Amino acid sequence: PVPRLKPLRHSYEKEIVLYAHFLGLPYASAECLYAPQAFRGLPRGLLKELEATRSSSVAALGHSSRALRVASLVASKGLVAC
């Protein structure tokens, strides 16, 4: 894999939008027509509730997910007859 630089990875979405706005950069501010019916709206709502309770919770979740490592070879059982 190619290493990628993500300078705004630890920034909040609101901060990124403000950054783009003040620099005059184009950004998408309209919500997709299909977004209200999308399944990812449920986890997004949960994340918004968590952030409303504790503002650093989403950043902490991102930091903890990067700390998790999964083995490259995972043993799995083969299928057997019923």
N, C-alpha and C. Protein backbone atom coordinates (compact mmCIF):
# COMPACT_ATOMS: atom_id res chain seq x y z
N PRO A 1 0.82 -1.20 0.00
CA PRO A 1 0.00 0.00 0.00
C PRO A 1 0.86 1.27 0.00
N VAL A 2 0.32 2.29 -0.59
CA VAL A 2 1.01 3.57 -0.66
C VAL A 2 0.65 4.40 0.57
N PRO A 3 1.65 4.88 1.32
CA PRO A 3 1.33 5.72 2.48
C PRO A 3 0.73 7.05 2.02
N ARG A 4 -0.27 7.51 2.73
CA ARG A 4 -0.96 8.74 2.36
C ARG A 4 -0.85 9.76 3.50
N LEU A 5 -0.78 11.02 3.11
CA LEU A 5 -0.72 12.10 4.07
C LEU A 5 -2.12 12.66 4.25
N LYS A 6 -2.59 12.71 5.48
CA LYS A 6 -3.93 13.22 5.77
C LYS A 6 -3.79 14.33 6.81
N PRO A 7 -3.50 15.56 6.36
CA PRO A 7 -3.23 16.62 7.32
C PRO A 7 -4.44 17.04 8.15
N LEU A 8 -5.65 16.83 7.67
CA LEU A 8 -6.83 17.26 8.41
C LEU A 8 -7.54 16.08 9.09
N ARG A 9 -6.84 14.96 9.23
CA ARG A 9 -7.44 13.75 9.79
C ARG A 9 -7.97 13.97 11.20
N HIS A 10 -7.28 14.77 12.00
CA HIS A 10 -7.68 14.97 13.39
C HIS A 10 -8.58 16.19 13.57
N SER A 11 -8.96 16.84 12.48
CA SER A 11 -9.81 18.02 12.56
C SER A 11 -11.27 17.62 12.49
N TYR A 12 -12.12 18.41 13.14
CA TYR A 12 -13.55 18.17 13.09
C TYR A 12 -14.10 18.64 11.75
N GLU A 13 -15.22 18.06 11.33
CA GLU A 13 -15.84 18.41 10.05
C GLU A 13 -16.18 19.89 9.99
N LYS A 14 -16.69 20.44 11.08
CA LYS A 14 -17.04 21.86 11.11
C LYS A 14 -15.81 22.73 10.87
N GLU A 15 -14.68 22.34 11.46
CA GLU A 15 -13.45 23.11 11.28
C GLU A 15 -12.97 23.04 9.84
N ILE A 16 -13.11 21.89 9.21
CA ILE A 16 -12.69 21.72 7.82
C ILE A 16 -13.55 22.57 6.90
N VAL A 17 -14.86 22.60 7.15
CA VAL A 17 -15.76 23.42 6.34
C VAL A 17 -15.43 24.90 6.51
N LEU A 18 -15.17 25.34 7.74
CA LEU A 18 -14.78 26.74 7.97
C LEU A 18 -13.48 27.07 7.27
N TYR A 19 -12.52 26.15 7.33
CA TYR A 19 -11.23 26.33 6.66
C TYR A 19 -11.43 26.51 5.15
N ALA A 20 -12.24 25.65 4.56
CA ALA A 20 -12.51 25.75 3.12
C ALA A 20 -13.26 27.03 2.79
N HIS A 21 -14.21 27.41 3.65
CA HIS A 21 -15.00 28.62 3.41
C HIS A 21 -14.12 29.87 3.41
N PHE A 22 -13.28 30.02 4.42
CA PHE A 22 -12.45 31.22 4.53
C PHE A 22 -11.35 31.29 3.48
N LEU A 23 -10.91 30.13 2.97
CA LEU A 23 -9.91 30.14 1.90
C LEU A 23 -10.55 30.20 0.52
N GLY A 24 -11.87 30.15 0.46
CA GLY A 24 -12.56 30.19 -0.82
C GLY A 24 -12.44 28.91 -1.62
N LEU A 25 -12.23 27.79 -0.93
CA LEU A 25 -12.12 26.50 -1.59
C LEU A 25 -13.51 25.93 -1.85
N PRO A 26 -13.70 25.25 -2.97
CA PRO A 26 -15.02 24.64 -3.21
C PRO A 26 -15.23 23.43 -2.28
N TYR A 27 -16.44 23.28 -1.80
CA TYR A 27 -16.79 22.13 -0.97
C TYR A 27 -18.28 21.87 -1.14
N ALA A 28 -18.66 20.62 -0.91
CA ALA A 28 -20.06 20.22 -1.06
C ALA A 28 -20.78 20.49 0.25
N SER A 29 -21.77 21.37 0.22
CA SER A 29 -22.50 21.68 1.44
C SER A 29 -23.92 21.12 1.42
N ALA A 30 -24.35 20.60 0.27
CA ALA A 30 -25.70 20.05 0.17
C ALA A 30 -25.68 18.57 0.51
N GLU A 31 -26.73 18.13 1.21
CA GLU A 31 -26.83 16.72 1.56
C GLU A 31 -27.37 15.93 0.37
N CYS A 32 -26.91 14.71 0.21
CA CYS A 32 -27.37 13.84 -0.86
C CYS A 32 -28.87 13.56 -0.69
N LEU A 33 -29.58 13.43 -1.80
CA LEU A 33 -31.03 13.16 -1.75
C LEU A 33 -31.35 11.84 -1.06
N TYR A 34 -30.44 10.89 -1.17
CA TYR A 34 -30.69 9.55 -0.61
C TYR A 34 -30.17 9.41 0.82
N ALA A 35 -29.55 10.43 1.36
CA ALA A 35 -28.96 10.34 2.70
C ALA A 35 -29.96 10.01 3.80
N PRO A 36 -31.17 10.58 3.81
CA PRO A 36 -32.09 10.25 4.91
C PRO A 36 -32.47 8.77 4.97
N GLN A 37 -32.48 8.06 3.85
CA GLN A 37 -32.85 6.64 3.84
C GLN A 37 -31.63 5.73 4.00
N ALA A 38 -30.44 6.26 3.99
CA ALA A 38 -29.23 5.43 4.05
C ALA A 38 -29.06 4.83 5.44
N PHE A 39 -28.53 3.62 5.48
CA PHE A 39 -28.30 2.95 6.76
C PHE A 39 -27.28 3.69 7.60
N ARG A 40 -26.30 4.31 6.96
CA ARG A 40 -25.25 4.96 7.73
C ARG A 40 -25.75 6.16 8.51
N GLY A 41 -27.00 6.56 8.28
CA GLY A 41 -27.58 7.64 9.07
C GLY A 41 -27.72 7.27 10.53
N LEU A 42 -27.97 5.99 10.81
CA LEU A 42 -28.10 5.54 12.20
C LEU A 42 -26.79 5.68 12.97
N PRO A 43 -25.67 5.15 12.44
CA PRO A 43 -24.40 5.36 13.17
C PRO A 43 -24.01 6.84 13.22
N ARG A 44 -24.33 7.58 12.16
CA ARG A 44 -24.01 9.00 12.15
C ARG A 44 -24.77 9.72 13.28
N GLY A 45 -26.03 9.36 13.47
CA GLY A 45 -26.82 9.96 14.55
C GLY A 45 -26.23 9.64 15.91
N LEU A 46 -25.79 8.39 16.07
CA LEU A 46 -25.16 7.99 17.33
C LEU A 46 -23.89 8.79 17.58
N LEU A 47 -23.07 8.96 16.53
CA LEU A 47 -21.85 9.74 16.69
C LEU A 47 -22.14 11.20 17.03
N LYS A 48 -23.20 11.75 16.44
CA LYS A 48 -23.56 13.14 16.75
C LYS A 48 -24.02 13.26 18.20
N GLU A 49 -24.76 12.26 18.70
CA GLU A 49 -25.17 12.27 20.10
C GLU A 49 -23.97 12.16 21.03
N LEU A 50 -23.02 11.28 20.67
CA LEU A 50 -21.81 11.14 21.48
C LEU A 50 -21.03 12.45 21.51
N GLU A 51 -20.92 13.09 20.37
CA GLU A 51 -20.16 14.34 20.31
C GLU A 51 -20.86 15.46 21.07
N ALA A 52 -22.18 15.43 21.07
CA ALA A 52 -22.92 16.44 21.84
C ALA A 52 -22.68 16.25 23.34
N THR A 53 -22.54 14.99 23.76
CA THR A 53 -22.30 14.70 25.16
C THR A 53 -20.86 15.02 25.55
N ARG A 54 -19.93 14.58 24.73
CA ARG A 54 -18.50 14.80 24.99
C ARG A 54 -17.83 15.13 23.67
N SER A 55 -17.36 16.34 23.50
CA SER A 55 -16.88 16.82 22.21
C SER A 55 -15.69 16.05 21.66
N SER A 56 -14.91 15.41 22.50
CA SER A 56 -13.73 14.69 22.02
C SER A 56 -13.99 13.21 21.76
N SER A 57 -15.24 12.76 21.88
CA SER A 57 -15.52 11.33 21.75
C SER A 57 -15.26 10.80 20.34
N VAL A 58 -15.59 11.57 19.31
CA VAL A 58 -15.37 11.10 17.94
C VAL A 58 -13.88 11.03 17.64
N ALA A 59 -13.12 12.02 18.09
CA ALA A 59 -11.67 11.99 17.89
C ALA A 59 -11.05 10.82 18.65
N ALA A 60 -11.53 10.56 19.86
CA ALA A 60 -11.02 9.43 20.65
C ALA A 60 -11.33 8.11 19.97
N LEU A 61 -12.49 8.01 19.36
CA LEU A 61 -12.87 6.80 18.64
C LEU A 61 -11.94 6.58 17.45
N GLY A 62 -11.61 7.66 16.75
CA GLY A 62 -10.68 7.56 15.62
C GLY A 62 -9.29 7.14 16.06
N HIS A 63 -8.82 7.71 17.18
CA HIS A 63 -7.51 7.32 17.69
C HIS A 63 -7.48 5.86 18.11
N SER A 64 -8.53 5.39 18.77
CA SER A 64 -8.55 4.01 19.22
C SER A 64 -8.66 3.04 18.06
N SER A 65 -9.35 3.43 17.00
CA SER A 65 -9.47 2.52 15.86
C SER A 65 -8.14 2.36 15.14
N ARG A 66 -7.31 3.39 15.15
CA ARG A 66 -6.00 3.27 14.52
C ARG A 66 -5.06 2.42 15.36
N ALA A 67 -5.34 2.31 16.64
CA ALA A 67 -4.50 1.50 17.52
C ALA A 67 -4.78 0.01 17.38
N LEU A 68 -5.95 -0.33 16.86
CA LEU A 68 -6.28 -1.74 16.70
C LEU A 68 -5.57 -2.32 15.48
N ARG A 69 -5.05 -3.50 15.63
CA ARG A 69 -4.38 -4.18 14.53
C ARG A 69 -4.98 -5.57 14.38
N VAL A 70 -5.22 -5.97 13.15
CA VAL A 70 -5.77 -7.29 12.87
C VAL A 70 -4.68 -8.10 12.19
N ALA A 71 -4.54 -9.34 12.61
CA ALA A 71 -3.52 -10.20 12.01
C ALA A 71 -3.80 -10.38 10.52
N SER A 72 -2.73 -10.46 9.73
CA SER A 72 -2.91 -10.59 8.29
C SER A 72 -3.46 -11.96 7.91
N LEU A 73 -3.14 -12.96 8.70
CA LEU A 73 -3.67 -14.30 8.46
C LEU A 73 -4.60 -14.68 9.61
N VAL A 74 -5.86 -14.80 9.30
CA VAL A 74 -6.83 -15.17 10.32
C VAL A 74 -7.28 -16.59 10.04
N ALA A 75 -7.16 -17.44 11.04
CA ALA A 75 -7.57 -18.83 10.87
C ALA A 75 -9.09 -18.91 10.81
N SER A 76 -9.58 -19.63 9.87
CA SER A 76 -11.04 -19.81 9.77
C SER A 76 -11.34 -21.28 9.54
N LYS A 77 -12.48 -21.71 10.03
CA LYS A 77 -12.87 -23.10 9.86
C LYS A 77 -13.46 -23.29 8.49
N GLY A 78 -13.24 -24.46 7.92
CA GLY A 78 -13.82 -24.78 6.64
C GLY A 78 -15.28 -25.19 6.81
N LEU A 79 -16.03 -25.13 5.74
CA LEU A 79 -17.43 -25.52 5.80
C LEU A 79 -17.55 -27.03 5.93
N VAL A 80 -18.49 -27.47 6.73
CA VAL A 80 -18.73 -28.90 6.90
C VAL A 80 -20.16 -29.20 6.50
N ALA A 81 -20.43 -30.46 6.22
CA ALA A 81 -21.78 -30.86 5.81
C ALA A 81 -22.73 -30.73 6.99
N CYS A 82 -23.97 -30.37 6.71
CA CYS A 82 -24.98 -30.23 7.76
C CYS A 82 -25.45 -31.59 8.23
